[in-house]
Amino acid sequence: MPTRAKHPGAAQFVPSASDLGHLAQAATGCTGCDLYENATQVVFGRGPQTARLVFVGEQPGDVEDTEGAPFVGPAGGVLDRALRDSGIERGDTYVTNAVKHFRWKAVRGSKRRIHEKPSAGQSTACRPWLAAELAAVRPHLVVALGATAAGSLFGASFRLTQHRGEALSWPPETGDFAGLAGSELGIEHGLATIHPSAVLRAEPDERQAAYDGLVADLQVARELLG
């Protein structure tokens, strides 16, 4: 008899129900990859199911892992300010991550938990949750925040540095959302920009330019909403 995979991916944990409340509740029991073993809790998306705009980040950070909500830490503060400056109300958007558990490493002699980028396998394992969220919300526009999110939405060959701030057609040509499966989500446009944490990581003399670039990209998103 074949041996069952220890971490089989999230698909078997995703319920058939299409409302966000049921999805969020089901996600608390997901063991589709190994990240749940060291995370405090699952961090599912937040926002109205009627949102016309969905933001997808990489994964929860330390604060998000503790509080159980996406983009409530330092990067979330940058996103909130950039949204205000671009004329977008965060309360009208749905905000989530490509990966729902925090991947981190310990610092010797400290209680600090340092972010580690999720692996391609972990992102793939978690993608059924992202697909279910997009199917439930059916937004007009989906925006990837950072390279990991862009890869999850637009395929591994997508290069953020080449296409950031561009109005992208949907469904994408490559990746898990390509073709019919992508078109069924009802999305009309995609867009990719930097993750707000990139602003925080920028050198002091480059930080304002990084922030201004993020705002400019979000203004493109606002225009695509009509």
C-alpha atoms as a PDB file:
ATOM      1  CA  MET A   1       0.000   0.000   0.000  1.00  0.00           C
ATOM      2  CA  PRO A   2       1.414   3.453  -0.905  1.00  0.00           C
ATOM      3  CA  THR A   3       2.636   5.568   1.979  1.00  0.00           C
ATOM      4  CA  ARG A   4       0.632   8.718   2.485  1.00  0.00           C
ATOM      5  CA  ALA A   5       2.669  11.917   2.148  1.00  0.00           C
ATOM      6  CA  LYS A   6       3.360  13.566   5.479  1.00  0.00           C
ATOM      7  CA  HIS A   7       2.436  16.986   4.113  1.00  0.00           C
ATOM      8  CA  PRO A   8       0.003  16.485   1.223  1.00  0.00           C
ATOM      9  CA  GLY A   9      -0.773  20.111   0.353  1.00  0.00           C
ATOM     10  CA  ALA A  10      -3.802  22.162   1.295  1.00  0.00           C
ATOM     11  CA  ALA A  11      -6.319  20.971  -1.303  1.00  0.00           C
ATOM     12  CA  GLN A  12      -7.877  18.307   0.915  1.00  0.00           C
ATOM     13  CA  PHE A  13      -8.475  20.855   3.696  1.00  0.00           C
ATOM     14  CA  VAL A  14     -10.295  23.418   1.537  1.00  0.00           C
ATOM     15  CA  PRO A  15     -14.077  23.099   1.971  1.00  0.00           C
ATOM     16  CA  SER A  16     -16.576  23.316  -0.853  1.00  0.00           C
ATOM     17  CA  ALA A  17     -18.263  26.281   0.849  1.00  0.00           C
ATOM     18  CA  SER A  18     -17.469  29.508  -0.948  1.00  0.00           C
ATOM     19  CA  ASP A  19     -17.870  32.049   1.852  1.00  0.00           C
ATOM     20  CA  LEU A  20     -14.813  33.491   3.555  1.00  0.00           C
ATOM     21  CA  GLY A  21     -15.958  32.622   7.067  1.00  0.00           C
ATOM     22  CA  HIS A  22     -16.060  28.899   6.342  1.00  0.00           C
ATOM     23  CA  LEU A  23     -12.735  29.071   4.514  1.00  0.00           C
ATOM     24  CA  ALA A  24     -11.040  30.877   7.398  1.00  0.00           C
ATOM     25  CA  GLN A  25     -12.367  28.390   9.925  1.00  0.00           C
ATOM     26  CA  ALA A  26     -11.273  25.400   7.845  1.00  0.00           C
ATOM     27  CA  ALA A  27      -7.790  26.872   7.389  1.00  0.00           C
ATOM     28  CA  THR A  28      -7.147  26.646  11.138  1.00  0.00           C
ATOM     29  CA  GLY A  29      -6.871  22.868  10.749  1.00  0.00           C
ATOM     30  CA  CYS A  30      -4.607  22.851   7.713  1.00  0.00           C
ATOM     31  CA  THR A  31      -1.495  20.684   7.924  1.00  0.00           C
ATOM     32  CA  GLY A  32      -0.822  20.744   4.195  1.00  0.00           C
ATOM     33  CA  CYS A  33       2.829  21.722   4.658  1.00  0.00           C
ATOM     34  CA  ASP A  34       5.279  21.741   7.540  1.00  0.00           C
ATOM     35  CA  LEU A  35       4.970  25.433   8.397  1.00  0.00           C
ATOM     36  CA  TYR A  36       2.050  24.897  10.769  1.00  0.00           C
ATOM     37  CA  GLU A  37       4.380  22.998  13.112  1.00  0.00           C
ATOM     38  CA  ASN A  38       6.298  26.091  14.243  1.00  0.00           C
ATOM     39  CA  ALA A  39       3.743  28.849  13.660  1.00  0.00           C
ATOM     40  CA  THR A  40       1.539  30.232  16.401  1.00  0.00           C
ATOM     41  CA  GLN A  41      -1.570  30.100  14.233  1.00  0.00           C
ATOM     42  CA  VAL A  42      -2.830  30.299  10.693  1.00  0.00           C
ATOM     43  CA  VAL A  43      -3.163  33.851   9.384  1.00  0.00           C
ATOM     44  CA  PHE A  44      -6.000  33.964   6.882  1.00  0.00           C
ATOM     45  CA  GLY A  45      -7.042  36.918   4.748  1.00  0.00           C
ATOM     46  CA  ARG A  46      -9.151  39.810   6.016  1.00  0.00           C
ATOM     47  CA  GLY A  47     -11.601  42.107   4.288  1.00  0.00           C
ATOM     48  CA  PRO A  48     -15.089  42.165   2.774  1.00  0.00           C
ATOM     49  CA  GLN A  49     -16.171  39.425   0.391  1.00  0.00           C
ATOM     50  CA  THR A  50     -17.481  42.217  -1.861  1.00  0.00           C
ATOM     51  CA  ALA A  51     -13.982  43.735  -2.283  1.00  0.00           C
ATOM     52  CA  ARG A  52     -13.094  44.691  -5.839  1.00  0.00           C
ATOM     53  CA  LEU A  53      -9.384  44.720  -5.008  1.00  0.00           C
ATOM     54  CA  VAL A  54      -7.354  41.889  -3.455  1.00  0.00           C
ATOM     55  CA  PHE A  55      -3.795  42.306  -2.211  1.00  0.00           C
ATOM     56  CA  VAL A  56      -1.599  39.217  -1.914  1.00  0.00           C
ATOM     57  CA  GLY A  57       1.604  39.347   0.112  1.00  0.00           C
ATOM     58  CA  GLU A  58       4.211  36.687   0.775  1.00  0.00           C
ATOM     59  CA  GLN A  59       3.503  35.292   4.250  1.00  0.00           C
ATOM     60  CA  PRO A  60       2.647  36.537   7.757  1.00  0.00           C
ATOM     61  CA  GLY A  61       5.399  38.174   9.766  1.00  0.00           C
ATOM     62  CA  ASP A  62       6.163  37.924  13.453  1.00  0.00           C
ATOM     63  CA  VAL A  63       3.443  40.381  14.530  1.00  0.00           C
ATOM     64  CA  GLU A  64       0.881  38.825  12.202  1.00  0.00           C
ATOM     65  CA  ASP A  65       1.677  35.354  13.519  1.00  0.00           C
ATOM     66  CA  THR A  66       1.047  36.592  17.064  1.00  0.00           C
ATOM     67  CA  GLU A  67      -2.104  38.594  16.329  1.00  0.00           C
ATOM     68  CA  GLY A  68      -3.624  36.324  13.671  1.00  0.00           C
ATOM     69  CA  ALA A  69      -4.293  39.010  11.056  1.00  0.00           C
ATOM     70  CA  PRO A  70      -2.421  39.972   7.852  1.00  0.00           C
ATOM     71  CA  PHE A  71      -0.417  43.186   7.469  1.00  0.00           C
ATOM     72  CA  VAL A  72      -0.766  44.482  11.021  1.00  0.00           C
ATOM     73  CA  GLY A  73       2.983  44.787  11.679  1.00  0.00           C
ATOM     74  CA  PRO A  74       5.533  47.333  10.402  1.00  0.00           C
ATOM     75  CA  ALA A  75       5.017  46.402   6.738  1.00  0.00           C
ATOM     76  CA  GLY A  76       1.286  46.754   7.274  1.00  0.00           C
ATOM     77  CA  GLY A  77       1.850  50.280   8.517  1.00  0.00           C
ATOM     78  CA  VAL A  78       3.700  51.126   5.306  1.00  0.00           C
ATOM     79  CA  LEU A  79       0.896  49.575   3.257  1.00  0.00           C
ATOM     80  CA  ASP A  80      -1.759  51.553   5.137  1.00  0.00           C
ATOM     81  CA  ARG A  81       0.077  54.834   4.515  1.00  0.00           C
ATOM     82  CA  ALA A  82       0.680  54.009   0.839  1.00  0.00           C
ATOM     83  CA  LEU A  83      -2.970  53.145   0.365  1.00  0.00           C
ATOM     84  CA  ARG A  84      -4.034  56.469   1.866  1.00  0.00           C
ATOM     85  CA  ASP A  85      -1.573  58.355  -0.310  1.00  0.00           C
ATOM     86  CA  SER A  86      -2.801  56.559  -3.435  1.00  0.00           C
ATOM     87  CA  GLY A  87      -6.479  57.163  -2.697  1.00  0.00           C
ATOM     88  CA  ILE A  88      -7.448  53.581  -1.805  1.00  0.00           C
ATOM     89  CA  GLU A  89      -9.427  52.693   1.318  1.00  0.00           C
ATOM     90  CA  ARG A  90      -7.991  49.596   2.976  1.00  0.00           C
ATOM     91  CA  GLY A  91     -11.414  48.766   4.373  1.00  0.00           C
ATOM     92  CA  ASP A  92     -12.636  48.276   0.803  1.00  0.00           C
ATOM     93  CA  THR A  93      -9.914  45.727   0.005  1.00  0.00           C
ATOM     94  CA  TYR A  94      -9.264  42.093   0.846  1.00  0.00           C
ATOM     95  CA  VAL A  95      -5.721  41.487   2.097  1.00  0.00           C
ATOM     96  CA  THR A  96      -4.097  38.068   2.304  1.00  0.00           C
ATOM     97  CA  ASN A  97      -0.835  36.177   1.771  1.00  0.00           C
ATOM     98  CA  ALA A  98       0.312  33.473  -0.605  1.00  0.00           C
ATOM     99  CA  VAL A  99       1.404  31.398   2.420  1.00  0.00           C
ATOM    100  CA  LYS A 100      -0.761  31.360   5.551  1.00  0.00           C
ATOM    101  CA  HIS A 101       1.791  30.356   8.214  1.00  0.00           C
ATOM    102  CA  PHE A 102       4.898  32.227   9.374  1.00  0.00           C
ATOM    103  CA  ARG A 103       8.219  30.692   8.357  1.00  0.00           C
ATOM    104  CA  TRP A 104      10.988  31.844  10.662  1.00  0.00           C
ATOM    105  CA  LYS A 105      14.347  31.009  12.168  1.00  0.00           C
ATOM    106  CA  ALA A 106      15.565  31.606  15.690  1.00  0.00           C
ATOM    107  CA  VAL A 107      18.397  33.938  16.642  1.00  0.00           C
ATOM    108  CA  ARG A 108      20.867  32.299  18.981  1.00  0.00           C
ATOM    109  CA  GLY A 109      20.686  33.788  22.446  1.00  0.00           C
ATOM    110  CA  SER A 110      17.571  35.786  21.623  1.00  0.00           C
ATOM    111  CA  LYS A 111      13.798  35.332  21.497  1.00  0.00           C
ATOM    112  CA  ARG A 112      13.675  37.122  18.144  1.00  0.00           C
ATOM    113  CA  ARG A 113      12.157  35.267  15.210  1.00  0.00           C
ATOM    114  CA  ILE A 114      13.622  36.194  11.831  1.00  0.00           C
ATOM    115  CA  HIS A 115      11.569  35.904   8.664  1.00  0.00           C
ATOM    116  CA  GLU A 116      12.586  33.201   6.198  1.00  0.00           C
ATOM    117  CA  LYS A 117      11.249  33.167   2.666  1.00  0.00           C
ATOM    118  CA  PRO A 118       8.847  30.253   2.107  1.00  0.00           C
ATOM    119  CA  SER A 119      10.076  27.586  -0.259  1.00  0.00           C
ATOM    120  CA  ALA A 120       8.522  26.992  -3.671  1.00  0.00           C
ATOM    121  CA  GLY A 121       7.036  23.768  -2.334  1.00  0.00           C
ATOM    122  CA  GLN A 122       5.437  25.544   0.615  1.00  0.00           C
ATOM    123  CA  SER A 123       3.963  28.197  -1.659  1.00  0.00           C
ATOM    124  CA  THR A 124       2.581  25.520  -3.967  1.00  0.00           C
ATOM    125  CA  ALA A 125       1.139  23.554  -1.057  1.00  0.00           C
ATOM    126  CA  CYS A 126      -0.733  26.648   0.178  1.00  0.00           C
ATOM    127  CA  ARG A 127      -2.015  27.802  -3.213  1.00  0.00           C
ATOM    128  CA  PRO A 128      -5.433  26.089  -2.932  1.00  0.00           C
ATOM    129  CA  TRP A 129      -6.268  28.505  -0.098  1.00  0.00           C
ATOM    130  CA  LEU A 130      -5.374  31.494  -2.257  1.00  0.00           C
ATOM    131  CA  ALA A 131      -7.427  30.103  -5.134  1.00  0.00           C
ATOM    132  CA  ALA A 132     -10.391  29.600  -2.796  1.00  0.00           C
ATOM    133  CA  GLU A 133     -10.115  33.170  -1.490  1.00  0.00           C
ATOM    134  CA  LEU A 134     -10.032  34.604  -5.001  1.00  0.00           C
ATOM    135  CA  ALA A 135     -12.995  32.452  -6.020  1.00  0.00           C
ATOM    136  CA  ALA A 136     -14.957  33.632  -2.975  1.00  0.00           C
ATOM    137  CA  VAL A 137     -14.200  37.333  -3.432  1.00  0.00           C
ATOM    138  CA  ARG A 138     -14.136  37.441  -7.254  1.00  0.00           C
ATOM    139  CA  PRO A 139     -12.357  40.821  -7.362  1.00  0.00           C
ATOM    140  CA  HIS A 140     -11.955  43.086 -10.335  1.00  0.00           C
ATOM    141  CA  LEU A 141      -8.203  43.395  -9.689  1.00  0.00           C
ATOM    142  CA  VAL A 142      -5.593  41.320  -7.840  1.00  0.00           C
ATOM    143  CA  VAL A 143      -2.294  42.926  -6.785  1.00  0.00           C
ATOM    144  CA  ALA A 144       0.817  40.940  -5.869  1.00  0.00           C
ATOM    145  CA  LEU A 145       3.003  42.503  -3.187  1.00  0.00           C
ATOM    146  CA  GLY A 146       6.521  41.200  -3.753  1.00  0.00           C
ATOM    147  CA  ALA A 147       8.174  38.512  -5.835  1.00  0.00           C
ATOM    148  CA  THR A 148       6.834  35.484  -3.933  1.00  0.00           C
ATOM    149  CA  ALA A 149       3.235  36.617  -4.323  1.00  0.00           C
ATOM    150  CA  ALA A 150       3.857  37.504  -7.960  1.00  0.00           C
ATOM    151  CA  GLY A 151       5.189  33.993  -8.601  1.00  0.00           C
ATOM    152  CA  SER A 152       2.131  32.453  -6.947  1.00  0.00           C
ATOM    153  CA  LEU A 153      -0.237  34.513  -9.084  1.00  0.00           C
ATOM    154  CA  PHE A 154       1.563  34.890 -12.397  1.00  0.00           C
ATOM    155  CA  GLY A 155       3.868  31.861 -12.524  1.00  0.00           C
ATOM    156  CA  ALA A 156       7.448  31.112 -11.537  1.00  0.00           C
ATOM    157  CA  SER A 157       8.868  32.733 -14.675  1.00  0.00           C
ATOM    158  CA  PHE A 158       7.308  36.120 -13.869  1.00  0.00           C
ATOM    159  CA  ARG A 159       9.882  38.825 -13.138  1.00  0.00           C
ATOM    160  CA  LEU A 160       8.713  41.595 -10.858  1.00  0.00           C
ATOM    161  CA  THR A 161      11.595  43.871 -11.845  1.00  0.00           C
ATOM    162  CA  GLN A 162      10.439  43.769 -15.473  1.00  0.00           C
ATOM    163  CA  HIS A 163       6.693  44.167 -14.968  1.00  0.00           C
ATOM    164  CA  ARG A 164       6.042  46.038 -11.717  1.00  0.00           C
ATOM    165  CA  GLY A 165       3.343  48.667 -11.984  1.00  0.00           C
ATOM    166  CA  GLU A 166       2.035  47.302 -15.295  1.00  0.00           C
ATOM    167  CA  ALA A 167      -1.598  46.526 -15.952  1.00  0.00           C
ATOM    168  CA  LEU A 168      -1.494  42.774 -16.534  1.00  0.00           C
ATOM    169  CA  SER A 169      -4.074  40.682 -18.344  1.00  0.00           C
ATOM    170  CA  TRP A 170      -5.894  37.954 -16.459  1.00  0.00           C
ATOM    171  CA  PRO A 171      -5.724  35.002 -16.483  1.00  0.00           C
ATOM    172  CA  PRO A 172      -1.914  34.913 -16.750  1.00  0.00           C
ATOM    173  CA  GLU A 173      -0.203  32.917 -19.460  1.00  0.00           C
ATOM    174  CA  THR A 174       1.741  30.706 -17.047  1.00  0.00           C
ATOM    175  CA  GLY A 175       1.384  29.335 -13.546  1.00  0.00           C
ATOM    176  CA  ASP A 176      -1.413  27.676 -11.612  1.00  0.00           C
ATOM    177  CA  PHE A 177      -3.934  30.377 -12.528  1.00  0.00           C
ATOM    178  CA  ALA A 178      -3.327  30.203 -16.275  1.00  0.00           C
ATOM    179  CA  GLY A 179      -6.103  29.307 -18.674  1.00  0.00           C
ATOM    180  CA  LEU A 180      -9.679  28.387 -17.827  1.00  0.00           C
ATOM    181  CA  ALA A 181      -9.105  27.928 -14.100  1.00  0.00           C
ATOM    182  CA  GLY A 182      -7.946  31.516 -13.859  1.00  0.00           C
ATOM    183  CA  SER A 183     -10.742  33.011 -15.964  1.00  0.00           C
ATOM    184  CA  GLU A 184     -13.376  31.383 -13.763  1.00  0.00           C
ATOM    185  CA  LEU A 185     -12.294  33.617 -10.872  1.00  0.00           C
ATOM    186  CA  GLY A 186     -13.891  36.629 -12.523  1.00  0.00           C
ATOM    187  CA  ILE A 187     -10.729  38.751 -12.274  1.00  0.00           C
ATOM    188  CA  GLU A 188     -10.195  41.293 -15.048  1.00  0.00           C
ATOM    189  CA  HIS A 189      -6.714  42.625 -14.276  1.00  0.00           C
ATOM    190  CA  GLY A 190      -3.556  41.850 -12.353  1.00  0.00           C
ATOM    191  CA  LEU A 191      -0.723  44.033 -11.132  1.00  0.00           C
ATOM    192  CA  ALA A 192       2.529  43.468  -9.252  1.00  0.00           C
ATOM    193  CA  THR A 193       4.548  45.798  -7.070  1.00  0.00           C
ATOM    194  CA  ILE A 194       7.117  45.609  -4.297  1.00  0.00           C
ATOM    195  CA  HIS A 195       6.281  44.279  -0.860  1.00  0.00           C
ATOM    196  CA  PRO A 196       5.918  47.117   1.676  1.00  0.00           C
ATOM    197  CA  SER A 197       8.730  45.543   3.701  1.00  0.00           C
ATOM    198  CA  ALA A 198      11.081  46.464   0.846  1.00  0.00           C
ATOM    199  CA  VAL A 199      10.567  50.097   1.800  1.00  0.00           C
ATOM    200  CA  LEU A 200      11.627  49.317   5.353  1.00  0.00           C
ATOM    201  CA  ARG A 201      14.714  47.414   4.158  1.00  0.00           C
ATOM    202  CA  ALA A 202      15.848  50.165   1.785  1.00  0.00           C
ATOM    203  CA  GLU A 203      18.856  52.268   2.674  1.00  0.00           C
ATOM    204  CA  PRO A 204      17.851  55.515   4.406  1.00  0.00           C
ATOM    205  CA  ASP A 205      18.733  57.660   1.398  1.00  0.00           C
ATOM    206  CA  GLU A 206      16.700  55.370  -0.895  1.00  0.00           C
ATOM    207  CA  ARG A 207      13.668  54.805   1.323  1.00  0.00           C
ATOM    208  CA  GLN A 208      11.590  57.726   0.090  1.00  0.00           C
ATOM    209  CA  ALA A 209      12.100  56.746  -3.540  1.00  0.00           C
ATOM    210  CA  ALA A 210      11.078  53.168  -2.742  1.00  0.00           C
ATOM    211  CA  TYR A 211       7.956  54.408  -0.983  1.00  0.00           C
ATOM    212  CA  ASP A 212       7.078  56.801  -3.806  1.00  0.00           C
ATOM    213  CA  GLY A 213       7.401  53.940  -6.283  1.00  0.00           C
ATOM    214  CA  LEU A 214       5.003  51.816  -4.245  1.00  0.00           C
ATOM    215  CA  VAL A 215       2.483  54.654  -4.139  1.00  0.00           C
ATOM    216  CA  ALA A 216       2.797  55.179  -7.896  1.00  0.00           C
ATOM    217  CA  ASP A 217       2.075  51.502  -8.524  1.00  0.00           C
ATOM    218  CA  LEU A 218      -0.955  51.617  -6.215  1.00  0.00           C
ATOM    219  CA  GLN A 219      -2.238  54.634  -8.121  1.00  0.00           C
ATOM    220  CA  VAL A 220      -2.175  52.474 -11.253  1.00  0.00           C
ATOM    221  CA  ALA A 221      -4.243  49.934  -9.329  1.00  0.00           C
ATOM    222  CA  ARG A 222      -6.743  52.625  -8.353  1.00  0.00           C
ATOM    223  CA  GLU A 223      -7.078  53.663 -12.002  1.00  0.00           C
ATOM    224  CA  LEU A 224      -7.695  50.065 -13.058  1.00  0.00           C
ATOM    225  CA  LEU A 225     -10.588  49.893 -10.617  1.00  0.00           C
ATOM    226  CA  GLY A 226     -12.272  52.652 -12.618  1.00  0.00           C
END
